[in-house]
N, C-alpha and C. Protein backbone atom coordinates (compact mmCIF):
# COMPACT_ATOMS: atom_id res chain seq x y z
N MET A 1 94.05 -11.54 -135.63
CA MET A 1 94.34 -10.59 -136.66
C MET A 1 93.48 -10.91 -137.88
N ILE A 2 92.90 -9.90 -138.47
CA ILE A 2 92.01 -10.08 -139.61
C ILE A 2 92.67 -9.51 -140.85
N PHE A 3 92.58 -10.25 -141.95
CA PHE A 3 93.14 -9.78 -143.21
C PHE A 3 92.07 -9.77 -144.27
N GLN A 4 92.21 -8.84 -145.20
CA GLN A 4 91.29 -8.75 -146.33
C GLN A 4 92.11 -9.06 -147.58
N PHE A 5 91.60 -9.92 -148.43
CA PHE A 5 92.26 -10.23 -149.68
C PHE A 5 91.78 -9.27 -150.75
N VAL A 6 92.71 -8.69 -151.47
CA VAL A 6 92.40 -7.68 -152.49
C VAL A 6 93.10 -8.08 -153.78
N TYR A 7 92.34 -8.10 -154.87
CA TYR A 7 92.95 -8.40 -156.16
C TYR A 7 93.39 -7.09 -156.79
N GLY A 8 94.68 -6.92 -156.96
CA GLY A 8 95.22 -5.69 -157.54
C GLY A 8 95.84 -5.96 -158.90
N GLN A 9 96.49 -4.95 -159.45
CA GLN A 9 97.11 -5.06 -160.77
C GLN A 9 98.25 -6.07 -160.78
N ILE A 10 98.87 -6.27 -159.63
CA ILE A 10 100.00 -7.20 -159.60
C ILE A 10 99.61 -8.55 -159.01
N GLY A 11 98.34 -8.80 -158.88
CA GLY A 11 97.90 -10.09 -158.39
C GLY A 11 97.15 -9.97 -157.07
N LEU A 12 97.03 -11.09 -156.39
CA LEU A 12 96.28 -11.15 -155.14
C LEU A 12 97.15 -10.63 -154.00
N LEU A 13 96.63 -9.66 -153.29
CA LEU A 13 97.33 -9.06 -152.16
C LEU A 13 96.46 -9.22 -150.93
N PHE A 14 97.00 -8.92 -149.79
CA PHE A 14 96.17 -8.85 -148.59
C PHE A 14 96.63 -7.68 -147.75
N ARG A 15 95.70 -7.15 -147.00
CA ARG A 15 96.02 -6.06 -146.10
C ARG A 15 95.37 -6.34 -144.75
N LYS A 16 95.99 -5.83 -143.73
CA LYS A 16 95.46 -5.98 -142.38
C LYS A 16 94.26 -5.05 -142.22
N ILE A 17 93.18 -5.56 -141.69
CA ILE A 17 91.99 -4.75 -141.43
C ILE A 17 92.07 -4.27 -139.99
N GLU A 18 92.01 -2.98 -139.83
CA GLU A 18 92.00 -2.39 -138.50
C GLU A 18 90.62 -2.56 -137.88
N LYS A 19 90.54 -2.53 -136.58
CA LYS A 19 89.26 -2.67 -135.88
C LYS A 19 88.27 -1.61 -136.34
N SER A 20 88.78 -0.38 -136.62
CA SER A 20 87.91 0.72 -137.01
C SER A 20 87.36 0.54 -138.43
N ASP A 21 87.94 -0.38 -139.23
CA ASP A 21 87.45 -0.64 -140.58
C ASP A 21 86.18 -1.50 -140.59
N ILE A 22 85.92 -2.16 -139.50
CA ILE A 22 84.80 -3.09 -139.42
C ILE A 22 83.57 -2.35 -138.90
N VAL A 23 82.49 -2.42 -139.63
CA VAL A 23 81.24 -1.79 -139.20
C VAL A 23 80.26 -2.88 -138.84
N GLU A 24 79.83 -2.86 -137.59
CA GLU A 24 78.85 -3.84 -137.14
C GLU A 24 77.46 -3.24 -137.35
N GLU A 25 76.61 -3.97 -138.03
CA GLU A 25 75.25 -3.50 -138.26
C GLU A 25 74.35 -3.96 -137.13
N ILE A 26 73.61 -3.00 -136.56
CA ILE A 26 72.70 -3.28 -135.46
C ILE A 26 71.29 -2.99 -135.96
N LYS A 27 70.45 -4.01 -135.95
CA LYS A 27 69.08 -3.86 -136.45
C LYS A 27 68.15 -3.43 -135.33
N ILE A 28 67.37 -2.38 -135.61
CA ILE A 28 66.34 -1.98 -134.66
C ILE A 28 64.98 -2.20 -135.31
N THR A 29 63.99 -2.47 -134.49
CA THR A 29 62.65 -2.75 -135.03
C THR A 29 61.68 -1.61 -134.74
N THR A 30 62.20 -0.53 -134.17
CA THR A 30 61.39 0.64 -133.88
C THR A 30 61.84 1.79 -134.78
N GLU A 31 61.09 2.89 -134.76
CA GLU A 31 61.44 4.04 -135.59
C GLU A 31 62.78 4.64 -135.19
N PHE A 32 63.05 4.68 -133.88
CA PHE A 32 64.30 5.24 -133.37
C PHE A 32 64.68 4.55 -132.07
N ILE A 33 65.92 4.80 -131.63
CA ILE A 33 66.39 4.33 -130.33
C ILE A 33 67.23 5.45 -129.74
N LYS A 34 67.11 5.68 -128.44
CA LYS A 34 67.90 6.73 -127.80
C LYS A 34 69.33 6.24 -127.61
N LEU A 35 70.25 7.20 -127.66
CA LEU A 35 71.67 6.87 -127.64
C LEU A 35 72.08 6.03 -126.44
N ASP A 36 71.64 6.38 -125.25
CA ASP A 36 72.04 5.59 -124.08
C ASP A 36 71.51 4.16 -124.16
N SER A 37 70.28 4.02 -124.65
CA SER A 37 69.71 2.67 -124.82
C SER A 37 70.46 1.91 -125.90
N PHE A 38 70.88 2.62 -126.94
CA PHE A 38 71.61 1.96 -128.02
C PHE A 38 72.93 1.38 -127.51
N LEU A 39 73.66 2.12 -126.69
CA LEU A 39 74.94 1.62 -126.18
C LEU A 39 74.74 0.33 -125.37
N LYS A 40 73.65 0.27 -124.63
CA LYS A 40 73.35 -0.96 -123.89
C LYS A 40 72.94 -2.07 -124.86
N PHE A 41 72.09 -1.74 -125.82
CA PHE A 41 71.59 -2.72 -126.79
C PHE A 41 72.74 -3.31 -127.62
N ALA A 42 73.72 -2.47 -127.97
CA ALA A 42 74.86 -2.92 -128.77
C ALA A 42 75.89 -3.68 -127.94
N GLY A 43 75.73 -3.63 -126.61
CA GLY A 43 76.62 -4.39 -125.74
C GLY A 43 77.90 -3.68 -125.35
N VAL A 44 78.00 -2.37 -125.58
CA VAL A 44 79.21 -1.65 -125.20
C VAL A 44 79.11 -1.07 -123.80
N ALA A 45 77.90 -1.00 -123.27
CA ALA A 45 77.69 -0.55 -121.89
C ALA A 45 76.73 -1.54 -121.23
N SER A 46 77.05 -1.94 -120.02
CA SER A 46 76.18 -2.91 -119.35
C SER A 46 75.10 -2.24 -118.50
N LEU A 47 75.35 -1.00 -118.10
CA LEU A 47 74.40 -0.27 -117.28
C LEU A 47 74.12 1.10 -117.88
N GLY A 48 72.97 1.64 -117.55
CA GLY A 48 72.64 2.98 -118.03
C GLY A 48 73.61 4.03 -117.51
N THR A 49 74.07 3.85 -116.27
CA THR A 49 75.02 4.83 -115.71
C THR A 49 76.35 4.79 -116.45
N GLU A 50 76.73 3.61 -116.91
CA GLU A 50 77.96 3.48 -117.69
C GLU A 50 77.81 4.19 -119.04
N ALA A 51 76.68 3.98 -119.69
CA ALA A 51 76.41 4.65 -120.96
C ALA A 51 76.39 6.16 -120.77
N LYS A 52 75.75 6.62 -119.71
CA LYS A 52 75.68 8.05 -119.39
C LYS A 52 77.08 8.63 -119.25
N PHE A 53 77.96 7.94 -118.56
CA PHE A 53 79.33 8.41 -118.36
C PHE A 53 80.06 8.56 -119.70
N TYR A 54 79.99 7.52 -120.55
CA TYR A 54 80.67 7.58 -121.85
C TYR A 54 80.17 8.75 -122.68
N ILE A 55 78.86 8.96 -122.67
CA ILE A 55 78.27 10.03 -123.48
C ILE A 55 78.68 11.40 -122.93
N GLN A 56 78.54 11.60 -121.63
CA GLN A 56 78.86 12.90 -121.04
C GLN A 56 80.35 13.23 -121.13
N GLU A 57 81.20 12.22 -121.20
CA GLU A 57 82.64 12.44 -121.33
C GLU A 57 83.06 12.70 -122.78
N GLY A 58 82.11 12.69 -123.71
CA GLY A 58 82.42 12.97 -125.11
C GLY A 58 83.13 11.84 -125.82
N GLN A 59 82.92 10.61 -125.37
CA GLN A 59 83.58 9.45 -125.97
C GLN A 59 82.78 8.81 -127.09
N VAL A 60 81.57 9.31 -127.34
CA VAL A 60 80.67 8.70 -128.33
C VAL A 60 80.47 9.69 -129.48
N TYR A 61 80.60 9.16 -130.70
CA TYR A 61 80.38 9.96 -131.91
C TYR A 61 79.15 9.44 -132.64
N VAL A 62 78.33 10.36 -133.11
CA VAL A 62 77.18 10.00 -133.93
C VAL A 62 77.35 10.72 -135.26
N ASN A 63 77.41 9.94 -136.32
CA ASN A 63 77.60 10.48 -137.66
C ASN A 63 78.81 11.41 -137.73
N GLY A 64 79.89 11.00 -137.06
CA GLY A 64 81.16 11.72 -137.13
C GLY A 64 81.31 12.89 -136.17
N GLU A 65 80.32 13.18 -135.35
CA GLU A 65 80.39 14.31 -134.42
C GLU A 65 80.19 13.83 -132.99
N VAL A 66 80.91 14.45 -132.06
CA VAL A 66 80.76 14.11 -130.64
C VAL A 66 79.32 14.38 -130.23
N GLU A 67 78.74 13.43 -129.53
CA GLU A 67 77.35 13.59 -129.06
C GLU A 67 77.34 13.46 -127.54
N THR A 68 76.83 14.48 -126.85
CA THR A 68 76.81 14.47 -125.39
C THR A 68 75.40 14.41 -124.82
N ARG A 69 74.41 14.21 -125.68
CA ARG A 69 73.02 14.10 -125.22
C ARG A 69 72.62 12.63 -125.12
N ARG A 70 72.31 12.17 -123.92
CA ARG A 70 71.90 10.77 -123.72
C ARG A 70 70.65 10.43 -124.51
N GLY A 71 69.73 11.37 -124.61
CA GLY A 71 68.45 11.12 -125.24
C GLY A 71 68.43 11.35 -126.74
N LYS A 72 69.60 11.54 -127.34
CA LYS A 72 69.67 11.75 -128.79
C LYS A 72 68.99 10.58 -129.49
N LYS A 73 68.05 10.89 -130.36
CA LYS A 73 67.34 9.83 -131.09
C LYS A 73 68.15 9.40 -132.29
N LEU A 74 68.35 8.09 -132.40
CA LEU A 74 69.08 7.51 -133.52
C LEU A 74 68.11 6.80 -134.44
N TYR A 75 68.30 7.00 -135.73
CA TYR A 75 67.42 6.41 -136.74
C TYR A 75 68.23 5.50 -137.65
N LYS A 76 67.55 4.74 -138.48
CA LYS A 76 68.23 3.87 -139.43
C LYS A 76 69.22 4.68 -140.26
N ASP A 77 70.37 4.10 -140.55
CA ASP A 77 71.49 4.67 -141.29
C ASP A 77 72.37 5.59 -140.46
N ASP A 78 72.03 5.84 -139.20
CA ASP A 78 72.95 6.59 -138.33
C ASP A 78 74.14 5.70 -138.00
N VAL A 79 75.29 6.34 -137.81
CA VAL A 79 76.52 5.61 -137.49
C VAL A 79 77.02 6.08 -136.13
N VAL A 80 77.28 5.13 -135.24
CA VAL A 80 77.77 5.43 -133.90
C VAL A 80 79.18 4.85 -133.76
N GLU A 81 80.09 5.69 -133.26
CA GLU A 81 81.46 5.24 -133.03
C GLU A 81 81.78 5.37 -131.55
N PHE A 82 82.40 4.33 -131.01
CA PHE A 82 82.78 4.33 -129.61
C PHE A 82 83.96 3.39 -129.42
N ASN A 83 84.99 3.88 -128.78
CA ASN A 83 86.13 3.04 -128.38
C ASN A 83 86.71 2.24 -129.56
N GLY A 84 86.82 2.87 -130.72
CA GLY A 84 87.39 2.22 -131.89
C GLY A 84 86.45 1.29 -132.63
N GLU A 85 85.21 1.18 -132.18
CA GLU A 85 84.22 0.34 -132.83
C GLU A 85 83.21 1.21 -133.55
N THR A 86 82.72 0.73 -134.69
CA THR A 86 81.75 1.47 -135.47
C THR A 86 80.50 0.63 -135.64
N PHE A 87 79.35 1.24 -135.39
CA PHE A 87 78.06 0.57 -135.50
C PHE A 87 77.17 1.36 -136.45
N LYS A 88 76.48 0.65 -137.32
CA LYS A 88 75.51 1.29 -138.22
C LYS A 88 74.14 0.73 -137.88
N ILE A 89 73.19 1.63 -137.74
CA ILE A 89 71.83 1.23 -137.41
C ILE A 89 71.11 0.90 -138.70
N VAL A 90 70.55 -0.30 -138.74
CA VAL A 90 69.80 -0.75 -139.93
C VAL A 90 68.39 -1.14 -139.55
């Protein structure tokens, strides 16, 4: 369980951080990366067929919208959400 300490008007408080509150930054060294390759690169899919399934089933969000195109090009500052995890491309 992860907690965040917050200093409020009544002193030091803490709140539970949900998994969806954590954004993992994934650094790419190219201009873009395709969505299916990104899922493998980020470690959420071990095979291309697995990534293809997640994408075609509408389980992947890019910048807050469902994305069903495997070849969608992702650029720096794009945000990918999958299975309660959030990734930002840097």
